[in-house]
């Protein structure tokens, strides 16, 4: 049995910086995004995750809703590709094209950044302010099966509160979704 050590980036601490390749063949740096945007949300995704499929349109809507206020969402795929060929840059590009993503989609082949954030399920959102501090982490909302259902729109509310200078409540929700696949070697 392999034991995977996962770090945890607590609310109020600095988000782990990264330098990772994207499907656009560019290298993406969190620090550079923080220079350009008032807020960044890194969301752990997996191209084969049922929950990612359920949430992808909601994530695109959140990006569109807040982009003009200085917000960007970044999809982070660090899922293990050992047992499935759908988790690599080429397959991520196909996924992004099929869903017409309106935000960057980056690849964490070593899983170091994913581990540093403390991902245990996909999708999980990490809302970061312009200083690089994690202000919210957890669920996008509490109604994954029904996009139009009433309920807690945690990520959308956290972004709105951050931009209005209001306290974010809750600051953290349980990570639910597909259990994250770690590399075993």
N, C-alpha and C. Protein backbone atom coordinates (compact mmCIF):
# COMPACT_ATOMS: atom_id res chain seq x y z
N UNK A 1 0.84 -1.17 0.00
CA UNK A 1 0.00 0.00 0.00
C UNK A 1 0.89 1.24 0.00
N UNK A 2 0.57 2.19 -0.86
CA UNK A 2 1.29 3.45 -0.90
C UNK A 2 0.56 4.48 -0.07
N UNK A 3 1.31 5.27 0.65
CA UNK A 3 0.73 6.35 1.42
C UNK A 3 1.13 7.65 0.74
N UNK A 4 0.13 8.45 0.42
CA UNK A 4 0.36 9.72 -0.25
C UNK A 4 0.27 10.84 0.78
N UNK A 5 1.31 11.64 0.87
CA UNK A 5 1.29 12.78 1.78
C UNK A 5 0.75 13.99 1.02
N UNK A 6 -0.31 14.57 1.55
CA UNK A 6 -0.92 15.73 0.93
C UNK A 6 -0.70 16.92 1.83
N UNK A 7 -0.19 17.99 1.26
CA UNK A 7 -0.08 19.24 2.01
C UNK A 7 -1.47 19.84 2.06
N UNK A 8 -1.59 20.88 2.78
CA UNK A 8 -2.88 21.57 2.84
C UNK A 8 -2.60 23.06 2.90
N UNK A 9 -3.18 23.79 2.00
CA UNK A 9 -3.06 25.24 2.01
C UNK A 9 -4.27 25.79 2.74
N UNK A 10 -4.11 26.17 4.00
CA UNK A 10 -5.26 26.64 4.77
C UNK A 10 -5.73 28.02 4.33
N UNK A 11 -6.98 28.29 4.64
CA UNK A 11 -7.55 29.61 4.39
C UNK A 11 -6.68 30.64 5.12
N UNK A 12 -6.39 31.74 4.45
CA UNK A 12 -5.58 32.80 5.05
C UNK A 12 -4.10 32.66 4.82
N UNK A 13 -3.69 31.58 4.13
CA UNK A 13 -2.26 31.40 3.84
C UNK A 13 -2.02 31.63 2.35
N UNK A 14 -0.76 31.76 1.99
CA UNK A 14 -0.41 31.98 0.59
C UNK A 14 -0.65 30.73 -0.23
N UNK A 15 -1.22 30.93 -1.40
CA UNK A 15 -1.41 29.83 -2.35
C UNK A 15 -0.05 29.41 -2.89
N UNK A 16 0.13 28.14 -3.20
CA UNK A 16 1.40 27.71 -3.78
C UNK A 16 1.56 28.28 -5.18
N UNK A 17 2.68 28.93 -5.42
CA UNK A 17 2.95 29.46 -6.75
C UNK A 17 3.23 28.29 -7.68
N UNK A 18 3.03 28.50 -8.95
CA UNK A 18 3.30 27.43 -9.89
C UNK A 18 3.82 27.98 -11.20
N UNK A 19 4.42 27.12 -11.94
CA UNK A 19 4.94 27.37 -13.28
C UNK A 19 4.64 26.09 -14.06
N UNK A 20 3.47 26.07 -14.74
CA UNK A 20 2.99 24.85 -15.37
C UNK A 20 2.56 25.09 -16.81
N UNK A 21 2.69 24.06 -17.64
CA UNK A 21 2.28 24.20 -19.04
C UNK A 21 0.75 24.15 -19.17
N UNK A 22 0.27 24.88 -20.17
CA UNK A 22 -1.15 24.88 -20.46
C UNK A 22 -1.43 24.26 -21.81
N UNK A 23 -2.69 24.05 -22.09
CA UNK A 23 -3.08 23.49 -23.38
C UNK A 23 -2.78 24.44 -24.52
N UNK A 24 -2.55 25.72 -24.19
CA UNK A 24 -2.22 26.74 -25.19
C UNK A 24 -0.73 26.76 -25.52
N UNK A 25 0.03 25.81 -25.00
CA UNK A 25 1.48 25.67 -25.20
C UNK A 25 2.28 26.79 -24.56
N UNK A 26 1.66 27.49 -23.62
CA UNK A 26 2.32 28.54 -22.84
C UNK A 26 2.60 28.01 -21.44
N UNK A 27 3.54 28.65 -20.74
CA UNK A 27 3.80 28.33 -19.35
C UNK A 27 3.03 29.34 -18.50
N UNK A 28 2.29 28.83 -17.54
CA UNK A 28 1.43 29.66 -16.70
C UNK A 28 2.02 29.76 -15.31
N UNK A 29 2.07 31.00 -14.79
CA UNK A 29 2.63 31.30 -13.47
C UNK A 29 1.53 31.96 -12.63
N UNK A 30 1.25 31.43 -11.46
CA UNK A 30 0.26 32.07 -10.61
C UNK A 30 0.66 33.52 -10.32
N UNK A 31 1.93 33.76 -10.03
CA UNK A 31 2.38 35.11 -9.68
C UNK A 31 2.08 36.12 -10.79
N UNK A 32 2.18 35.69 -12.03
CA UNK A 32 1.87 36.60 -13.15
C UNK A 32 0.37 36.87 -13.25
N UNK A 33 -0.44 35.87 -12.96
CA UNK A 33 -1.89 36.10 -12.95
C UNK A 33 -2.25 37.09 -11.85
N UNK A 34 -1.60 36.96 -10.69
CA UNK A 34 -1.90 37.85 -9.58
C UNK A 34 -1.50 39.29 -9.86
N UNK A 35 -0.54 39.50 -10.75
CA UNK A 35 -0.16 40.85 -11.16
C UNK A 35 -1.23 41.48 -12.04
N UNK A 36 -1.98 40.66 -12.77
CA UNK A 36 -2.96 41.15 -13.74
C UNK A 36 -4.40 41.18 -13.23
N UNK A 37 -4.73 40.33 -12.26
CA UNK A 37 -6.12 40.15 -11.85
C UNK A 37 -6.32 40.46 -10.38
N UNK A 38 -7.52 40.90 -10.04
CA UNK A 38 -7.88 41.16 -8.64
C UNK A 38 -8.08 39.86 -7.87
N UNK A 39 -8.46 38.82 -8.60
CA UNK A 39 -8.70 37.54 -7.96
C UNK A 39 -8.52 36.42 -8.99
N UNK A 40 -8.01 35.30 -8.51
CA UNK A 40 -7.80 34.11 -9.33
C UNK A 40 -8.44 32.95 -8.59
N UNK A 41 -9.10 32.08 -9.35
CA UNK A 41 -9.63 30.86 -8.76
C UNK A 41 -9.02 29.68 -9.49
N UNK A 42 -8.26 28.89 -8.76
CA UNK A 42 -7.70 27.65 -9.30
C UNK A 42 -8.68 26.55 -8.95
N UNK A 43 -9.11 25.81 -9.97
CA UNK A 43 -10.07 24.72 -9.76
C UNK A 43 -9.44 23.42 -10.24
N UNK A 44 -9.36 22.45 -9.35
CA UNK A 44 -8.86 21.13 -9.75
C UNK A 44 -9.90 20.48 -10.65
N UNK A 45 -9.45 20.05 -11.82
CA UNK A 45 -10.32 19.41 -12.80
C UNK A 45 -9.69 18.12 -13.26
N UNK A 46 -10.48 17.30 -13.91
CA UNK A 46 -10.00 16.07 -14.53
C UNK A 46 -10.85 15.86 -15.77
N UNK A 47 -10.23 15.64 -16.89
CA UNK A 47 -10.94 15.53 -18.15
C UNK A 47 -11.90 14.35 -18.21
N UNK A 48 -11.76 13.40 -17.30
CA UNK A 48 -12.66 12.24 -17.32
C UNK A 48 -13.56 12.18 -16.09
N UNK A 49 -13.58 13.21 -15.30
CA UNK A 49 -14.35 13.24 -14.06
C UNK A 49 -15.82 13.57 -14.32
N UNK A 50 -16.69 12.73 -13.80
CA UNK A 50 -18.13 12.96 -13.95
C UNK A 50 -18.54 14.29 -13.33
N UNK A 51 -17.97 14.62 -12.18
CA UNK A 51 -18.30 15.88 -11.52
C UNK A 51 -17.78 17.09 -12.32
N UNK A 52 -16.61 16.96 -12.92
CA UNK A 52 -16.12 18.04 -13.78
C UNK A 52 -17.12 18.26 -14.92
N UNK A 53 -17.59 17.19 -15.52
CA UNK A 53 -18.59 17.31 -16.60
C UNK A 53 -19.84 18.03 -16.11
N UNK A 54 -20.29 17.73 -14.90
CA UNK A 54 -21.48 18.37 -14.35
C UNK A 54 -21.26 19.87 -14.11
N UNK A 55 -20.03 20.24 -13.77
CA UNK A 55 -19.75 21.62 -13.38
C UNK A 55 -19.14 22.49 -14.46
N UNK A 56 -18.73 21.94 -15.57
CA UNK A 56 -17.95 22.71 -16.53
C UNK A 56 -18.71 23.94 -17.05
N UNK A 57 -19.98 23.81 -17.34
CA UNK A 57 -20.74 24.96 -17.82
C UNK A 57 -20.91 26.00 -16.72
N UNK A 58 -21.08 25.57 -15.48
CA UNK A 58 -21.18 26.53 -14.37
C UNK A 58 -19.87 27.29 -14.20
N UNK A 59 -18.75 26.59 -14.36
CA UNK A 59 -17.46 27.27 -14.25
C UNK A 59 -17.29 28.29 -15.38
N UNK A 60 -17.68 27.92 -16.58
CA UNK A 60 -17.61 28.87 -17.70
C UNK A 60 -18.49 30.09 -17.43
N UNK A 61 -19.66 29.88 -16.84
CA UNK A 61 -20.55 31.00 -16.51
C UNK A 61 -19.96 31.89 -15.44
N UNK A 62 -19.32 31.30 -14.45
CA UNK A 62 -18.66 32.10 -13.40
C UNK A 62 -17.54 32.93 -14.01
N UNK A 63 -16.75 32.32 -14.88
CA UNK A 63 -15.68 33.07 -15.56
C UNK A 63 -16.27 34.25 -16.33
N UNK A 64 -17.31 34.01 -17.09
CA UNK A 64 -17.93 35.07 -17.90
C UNK A 64 -18.54 36.17 -17.01
N UNK A 65 -19.14 35.77 -15.92
CA UNK A 65 -19.80 36.72 -15.02
C UNK A 65 -18.82 37.68 -14.36
N UNK A 66 -17.65 37.18 -13.96
CA UNK A 66 -16.73 38.01 -13.17
C UNK A 66 -15.49 38.49 -13.94
N UNK A 67 -15.31 38.09 -15.17
CA UNK A 67 -14.10 38.44 -15.92
C UNK A 67 -13.90 39.95 -16.03
N UNK A 68 -14.96 40.70 -16.25
CA UNK A 68 -14.81 42.15 -16.43
C UNK A 68 -14.52 42.88 -15.12
N UNK A 69 -14.53 42.17 -14.01
CA UNK A 69 -14.19 42.77 -12.71
C UNK A 69 -12.77 42.44 -12.26
N UNK A 70 -12.01 41.80 -13.15
CA UNK A 70 -10.63 41.47 -12.80
C UNK A 70 -10.48 40.10 -12.20
N UNK A 71 -11.23 39.14 -12.70
CA UNK A 71 -11.22 37.77 -12.20
C UNK A 71 -10.83 36.82 -13.32
N UNK A 72 -10.09 35.78 -12.96
CA UNK A 72 -9.90 34.67 -13.89
C UNK A 72 -9.93 33.36 -13.14
N UNK A 73 -10.44 32.38 -13.82
CA UNK A 73 -10.46 31.02 -13.33
C UNK A 73 -9.36 30.27 -14.07
N UNK A 74 -8.70 29.34 -13.41
CA UNK A 74 -7.67 28.50 -14.03
C UNK A 74 -8.00 27.05 -13.69
N UNK A 75 -8.17 26.23 -14.72
CA UNK A 75 -8.37 24.80 -14.51
C UNK A 75 -7.03 24.12 -14.31
N UNK A 76 -6.90 23.35 -13.26
CA UNK A 76 -5.66 22.65 -12.92
C UNK A 76 -5.91 21.15 -12.97
N UNK A 77 -5.26 20.46 -13.90
CA UNK A 77 -5.40 19.01 -13.98
C UNK A 77 -4.09 18.38 -13.52
N UNK A 78 -4.15 17.70 -12.41
CA UNK A 78 -2.99 16.98 -11.90
C UNK A 78 -3.30 15.51 -11.73
N UNK A 79 -4.38 15.08 -12.34
CA UNK A 79 -4.83 13.70 -12.18
C UNK A 79 -3.84 12.72 -12.79
N UNK A 80 -3.71 11.58 -12.17
CA UNK A 80 -2.77 10.57 -12.64
C UNK A 80 -3.15 10.06 -14.01
N UNK A 81 -2.16 9.97 -14.89
CA UNK A 81 -2.42 9.44 -16.23
C UNK A 81 -1.90 8.01 -16.35
N UNK A 82 -1.54 7.40 -15.26
CA UNK A 82 -0.97 6.05 -15.30
C UNK A 82 -1.95 5.02 -15.85
N UNK A 83 -3.22 5.15 -15.50
CA UNK A 83 -4.19 4.14 -15.90
C UNK A 83 -5.19 4.63 -16.93
N UNK A 84 -5.05 5.86 -17.40
CA UNK A 84 -6.02 6.36 -18.36
C UNK A 84 -5.37 7.41 -19.24
N UNK A 85 -5.45 7.22 -20.53
CA UNK A 85 -4.79 8.13 -21.47
C UNK A 85 -5.54 9.44 -21.66
N UNK A 86 -6.65 9.65 -20.96
CA UNK A 86 -7.40 10.89 -21.12
C UNK A 86 -6.83 12.03 -20.28
N UNK A 87 -5.84 11.76 -19.47
CA UNK A 87 -5.25 12.81 -18.66
C UNK A 87 -3.83 13.09 -19.11
N UNK A 88 -3.73 13.89 -20.15
CA UNK A 88 -2.47 14.40 -20.65
C UNK A 88 -2.79 15.66 -21.42
N UNK A 89 -1.78 16.43 -21.79
CA UNK A 89 -2.03 17.72 -22.44
C UNK A 89 -2.84 17.59 -23.72
N UNK A 90 -2.56 16.58 -24.52
CA UNK A 90 -3.28 16.41 -25.78
C UNK A 90 -4.77 16.15 -25.53
N UNK A 91 -5.06 15.26 -24.59
CA UNK A 91 -6.46 14.96 -24.29
C UNK A 91 -7.14 16.12 -23.56
N UNK A 92 -6.39 16.87 -22.77
CA UNK A 92 -6.95 18.07 -22.13
C UNK A 92 -7.37 19.09 -23.18
N UNK A 93 -6.57 19.23 -24.23
CA UNK A 93 -6.91 20.16 -25.32
C UNK A 93 -8.20 19.73 -26.00
N UNK A 94 -8.36 18.45 -26.26
CA UNK A 94 -9.59 17.94 -26.86
C UNK A 94 -10.79 18.25 -25.96
N UNK A 95 -10.61 18.00 -24.65
CA UNK A 95 -11.66 18.29 -23.67
C UNK A 95 -12.02 19.78 -23.70
N UNK A 96 -11.00 20.64 -23.69
CA UNK A 96 -11.23 22.09 -23.68
C UNK A 96 -11.93 22.55 -24.96
N UNK A 97 -11.52 22.01 -26.08
CA UNK A 97 -12.16 22.37 -27.35
C UNK A 97 -13.61 21.91 -27.37
N UNK A 98 -13.87 20.69 -26.93
CA UNK A 98 -15.23 20.16 -26.91
C UNK A 98 -16.15 21.02 -26.04
N UNK A 99 -15.61 21.50 -24.91
CA UNK A 99 -16.42 22.30 -23.99
C UNK A 99 -16.26 23.80 -24.22
N UNK A 100 -15.44 24.19 -25.16
CA UNK A 100 -15.19 25.61 -25.47
C UNK A 100 -14.87 26.40 -24.19
N UNK A 101 -13.84 25.94 -23.50
CA UNK A 101 -13.45 26.59 -22.25
C UNK A 101 -13.07 28.05 -22.50
N UNK A 102 -13.47 28.90 -21.58
CA UNK A 102 -13.15 30.33 -21.65
C UNK A 102 -12.15 30.72 -20.57
N UNK A 103 -11.38 29.74 -20.11
CA UNK A 103 -10.34 29.98 -19.10
C UNK A 103 -9.18 29.03 -19.38
N UNK A 104 -7.98 29.36 -18.86
CA UNK A 104 -6.82 28.51 -19.06
C UNK A 104 -6.99 27.14 -18.40
N UNK A 105 -6.38 26.15 -19.02
CA UNK A 105 -6.41 24.78 -18.50
C UNK A 105 -4.96 24.31 -18.49
N UNK A 106 -4.42 24.04 -17.28
CA UNK A 106 -3.00 23.74 -17.12
C UNK A 106 -2.80 22.33 -16.58
N UNK A 107 -1.58 21.81 -16.81
CA UNK A 107 -1.24 20.41 -16.51
C UNK A 107 -0.17 20.34 -15.44
N UNK A 108 -0.47 19.63 -14.36
CA UNK A 108 0.46 19.39 -13.26
C UNK A 108 0.90 17.94 -13.31
N UNK A 109 1.83 17.63 -14.21
CA UNK A 109 2.23 16.24 -14.45
C UNK A 109 2.90 15.59 -13.24
N UNK A 110 3.53 16.38 -12.39
CA UNK A 110 4.20 15.83 -11.20
C UNK A 110 3.26 15.75 -9.99
N UNK A 111 2.14 16.39 -10.08
CA UNK A 111 1.14 16.49 -9.00
C UNK A 111 1.63 17.31 -7.81
N UNK A 112 2.76 17.97 -7.91
CA UNK A 112 3.30 18.74 -6.80
C UNK A 112 2.40 19.91 -6.41
N UNK A 113 1.92 20.66 -7.40
CA UNK A 113 1.07 21.82 -7.11
C UNK A 113 -0.28 21.34 -6.56
N UNK A 114 -0.83 20.31 -7.18
CA UNK A 114 -2.10 19.75 -6.73
C UNK A 114 -2.00 19.30 -5.28
N UNK A 115 -0.91 18.63 -4.95
CA UNK A 115 -0.66 18.16 -3.58
C UNK A 115 -0.52 19.36 -2.64
N UNK A 116 0.17 20.40 -3.07
CA UNK A 116 0.37 21.58 -2.22
C UNK A 116 -0.94 22.29 -1.90
N UNK A 117 -1.83 22.33 -2.86
CA UNK A 117 -3.14 22.94 -2.60
C UNK A 117 -3.95 22.10 -1.62
N UNK A 118 -3.73 20.79 -1.61
CA UNK A 118 -4.49 19.91 -0.73
C UNK A 118 -5.72 19.32 -1.39
N UNK A 119 -5.66 19.11 -2.69
CA UNK A 119 -6.79 18.55 -3.42
C UNK A 119 -7.02 17.10 -2.99
N UNK A 120 -8.27 16.77 -2.71
CA UNK A 120 -8.62 15.37 -2.46
C UNK A 120 -9.76 14.92 -3.38
N UNK A 121 -10.40 15.87 -4.06
CA UNK A 121 -11.50 15.53 -4.97
C UNK A 121 -11.55 16.56 -6.10
N UNK A 122 -12.10 16.13 -7.23
CA UNK A 122 -12.32 17.06 -8.34
C UNK A 122 -13.81 17.16 -8.60
N UNK A 123 -14.28 18.39 -8.86
CA UNK A 123 -13.55 19.65 -8.82
C UNK A 123 -13.52 20.25 -7.41
N UNK A 124 -12.45 20.94 -7.10
CA UNK A 124 -12.34 21.72 -5.87
C UNK A 124 -11.82 23.10 -6.23
N UNK A 125 -12.46 24.12 -5.69
CA UNK A 125 -12.12 25.51 -6.00
C UNK A 125 -11.24 26.11 -4.90
N UNK A 126 -10.26 26.93 -5.33
CA UNK A 126 -9.38 27.67 -4.42
C UNK A 126 -9.40 29.13 -4.88
N UNK A 127 -10.14 29.97 -4.17
CA UNK A 127 -10.25 31.39 -4.51
C UNK A 127 -9.11 32.15 -3.85
N UNK A 128 -8.36 32.88 -4.65
CA UNK A 128 -7.14 33.55 -4.20
C UNK A 128 -7.28 35.05 -4.46
N UNK A 129 -6.97 35.87 -3.46
CA UNK A 129 -7.04 37.32 -3.66
C UNK A 129 -5.78 37.82 -4.37
N UNK A 130 -5.74 39.11 -4.67
CA UNK A 130 -4.62 39.67 -5.45
C UNK A 130 -3.29 39.67 -4.69
N UNK A 131 -3.33 39.40 -3.40
CA UNK A 131 -2.09 39.27 -2.61
C UNK A 131 -1.57 37.83 -2.62
N UNK A 132 -2.34 36.90 -3.18
CA UNK A 132 -1.94 35.51 -3.21
C UNK A 132 -2.44 34.69 -2.04
N UNK A 133 -3.40 35.24 -1.28
CA UNK A 133 -3.94 34.57 -0.10
C UNK A 133 -5.20 33.78 -0.47
N UNK A 134 -5.27 32.54 -0.02
CA UNK A 134 -6.46 31.72 -0.25
C UNK A 134 -7.58 32.23 0.66
N UNK A 135 -8.70 32.60 0.04
CA UNK A 135 -9.84 33.15 0.79
C UNK A 135 -11.03 32.20 0.87
N UNK A 136 -11.10 31.26 -0.05
CA UNK A 136 -12.16 30.25 -0.02
C UNK A 136 -11.61 28.99 -0.66
N UNK A 137 -12.04 27.83 -0.13
CA UNK A 137 -11.73 26.57 -0.81
C UNK A 137 -12.83 25.57 -0.55
N UNK A 138 -13.08 24.79 -1.59
CA UNK A 138 -14.09 23.74 -1.44
C UNK A 138 -14.98 23.63 -2.65
N UNK A 139 -16.26 23.41 -2.39
CA UNK A 139 -17.25 23.14 -3.42
C UNK A 139 -17.59 24.39 -4.24
N UNK A 140 -17.97 24.17 -5.47
CA UNK A 140 -18.47 25.25 -6.32
C UNK A 140 -19.86 25.62 -5.85
N UNK A 141 -20.69 24.64 -5.61
CA UNK A 141 -22.01 24.83 -5.02
C UNK A 141 -22.42 23.50 -4.38
N UNK A 142 -23.61 23.48 -3.80
CA UNK A 142 -24.04 22.25 -3.14
C UNK A 142 -25.14 21.50 -3.90
N UNK A 143 -25.20 21.72 -5.21
CA UNK A 143 -26.20 21.03 -6.02
C UNK A 143 -25.59 20.57 -7.35
N UNK A 144 -24.65 19.60 -7.27
CA UNK A 144 -23.93 19.19 -8.47
C UNK A 144 -24.80 18.60 -9.58
N UNK A 145 -25.83 17.87 -9.22
CA UNK A 145 -26.63 17.21 -10.24
C UNK A 145 -27.60 18.14 -10.95
N UNK A 146 -27.89 19.30 -10.38
CA UNK A 146 -28.88 20.20 -10.97
C UNK A 146 -28.36 21.64 -10.96
N UNK A 147 -27.86 22.07 -12.09
CA UNK A 147 -27.28 23.41 -12.18
C UNK A 147 -28.29 24.50 -11.82
N UNK A 148 -29.55 24.28 -12.15
CA UNK A 148 -30.56 25.32 -11.91
C UNK A 148 -31.20 25.22 -10.53
N UNK A 149 -30.81 24.26 -9.72
CA UNK A 149 -31.40 24.08 -8.39
C UNK A 149 -31.03 25.24 -7.47
N UNK A 150 -31.88 25.47 -6.51
CA UNK A 150 -31.60 26.46 -5.48
C UNK A 150 -30.68 25.82 -4.45
N UNK A 151 -29.80 26.60 -3.91
CA UNK A 151 -28.90 26.07 -2.88
C UNK A 151 -27.76 27.02 -2.66
N UNK A 152 -26.72 26.52 -2.03
CA UNK A 152 -25.56 27.34 -1.74
C UNK A 152 -24.62 27.43 -2.93
N UNK A 153 -24.52 28.60 -3.51
CA UNK A 153 -23.58 28.86 -4.61
C UNK A 153 -22.29 29.40 -4.01
N UNK A 154 -21.54 28.52 -3.35
CA UNK A 154 -20.41 28.91 -2.53
C UNK A 154 -19.35 29.72 -3.27
N UNK A 155 -18.90 29.24 -4.41
CA UNK A 155 -17.83 29.94 -5.12
C UNK A 155 -18.30 31.29 -5.63
N UNK A 156 -19.45 31.33 -6.28
CA UNK A 156 -19.99 32.59 -6.80
C UNK A 156 -20.14 33.62 -5.67
N UNK A 157 -20.68 33.19 -4.54
CA UNK A 157 -20.86 34.10 -3.40
C UNK A 157 -19.52 34.56 -2.84
N UNK A 158 -18.55 33.66 -2.78
CA UNK A 158 -17.23 34.02 -2.26
C UNK A 158 -16.56 35.08 -3.15
N UNK A 159 -16.68 34.91 -4.47
CA UNK A 159 -16.10 35.89 -5.39
C UNK A 159 -16.78 37.24 -5.21
N UNK A 160 -18.11 37.24 -5.15
CA UNK A 160 -18.86 38.49 -4.98
C UNK A 160 -18.48 39.18 -3.68
N UNK A 161 -18.39 38.43 -2.59
CA UNK A 161 -18.00 39.01 -1.30
C UNK A 161 -16.59 39.58 -1.35
N UNK A 162 -15.67 38.85 -1.97
CA UNK A 162 -14.29 39.33 -2.08
C UNK A 162 -14.24 40.66 -2.80
N UNK A 163 -14.97 40.78 -3.90
CA UNK A 163 -14.96 42.03 -4.68
C UNK A 163 -15.68 43.17 -3.96
N UNK A 164 -16.62 42.84 -3.08
CA UNK A 164 -17.35 43.87 -2.34
C UNK A 164 -16.70 44.19 -1.01
N UNK A 165 -15.58 43.53 -0.70
CA UNK A 165 -14.89 43.77 0.56
C UNK A 165 -15.65 43.23 1.76
N UNK A 166 -16.52 42.25 1.53
CA UNK A 166 -17.30 41.66 2.61
C UNK A 166 -16.66 40.35 3.07
N UNK A 167 -17.03 39.95 4.28
CA UNK A 167 -16.54 38.69 4.82
C UNK A 167 -17.12 37.52 4.03
N UNK A 168 -16.28 36.58 3.70
CA UNK A 168 -16.72 35.38 2.97
C UNK A 168 -17.19 34.35 3.98
N UNK A 169 -18.41 33.87 3.81
CA UNK A 169 -18.96 32.83 4.68
C UNK A 169 -19.73 31.84 3.83
N UNK A 170 -19.46 30.59 3.89
CA UNK A 170 -18.35 29.98 4.61
C UNK A 170 -17.04 30.17 3.84
N UNK A 171 -15.94 30.09 4.54
CA UNK A 171 -14.63 30.20 3.89
C UNK A 171 -14.15 28.86 3.36
N UNK A 172 -14.75 27.78 3.85
CA UNK A 172 -14.33 26.45 3.41
C UNK A 172 -15.52 25.51 3.48
N UNK A 173 -15.61 24.67 2.44
CA UNK A 173 -16.61 23.61 2.42
C UNK A 173 -15.89 22.29 2.14
N UNK A 174 -16.54 21.21 2.50
CA UNK A 174 -15.97 19.89 2.28
C UNK A 174 -15.75 19.65 0.79
N UNK A 175 -14.62 19.05 0.45
CA UNK A 175 -14.36 18.70 -0.94
C UNK A 175 -15.18 17.47 -1.30
N UNK A 176 -16.06 17.62 -2.28
CA UNK A 176 -16.83 16.48 -2.76
C UNK A 176 -16.63 16.36 -4.26
N UNK A 177 -16.90 15.21 -4.79
CA UNK A 177 -16.73 14.97 -6.22
C UNK A 177 -16.03 13.63 -6.41
N UNK A 178 -15.26 13.55 -7.46
CA UNK A 178 -14.52 12.34 -7.75
C UNK A 178 -13.23 12.33 -6.92
N UNK A 179 -12.99 11.24 -6.24
CA UNK A 179 -11.77 11.13 -5.42
C UNK A 179 -10.57 11.27 -6.35
N UNK A 180 -9.61 12.09 -5.92
CA UNK A 180 -8.45 12.40 -6.74
C UNK A 180 -7.57 11.17 -6.90
N UNK A 181 -7.04 10.96 -8.11
CA UNK A 181 -6.16 9.83 -8.40
C UNK A 181 -4.70 10.27 -8.32
N UNK A 182 -3.97 9.71 -7.36
CA UNK A 182 -2.57 10.03 -7.19
C UNK A 182 -1.72 9.01 -7.93
N UNK A 183 -0.57 9.47 -8.40
CA UNK A 183 0.39 8.54 -9.03
C UNK A 183 0.91 7.61 -7.96
N UNK A 184 1.15 6.36 -8.34
CA UNK A 184 1.59 5.38 -7.34
C UNK A 184 3.09 5.13 -7.41
N UNK A 185 3.77 5.71 -8.38
CA UNK A 185 5.21 5.49 -8.45
C UNK A 185 5.95 6.79 -8.33
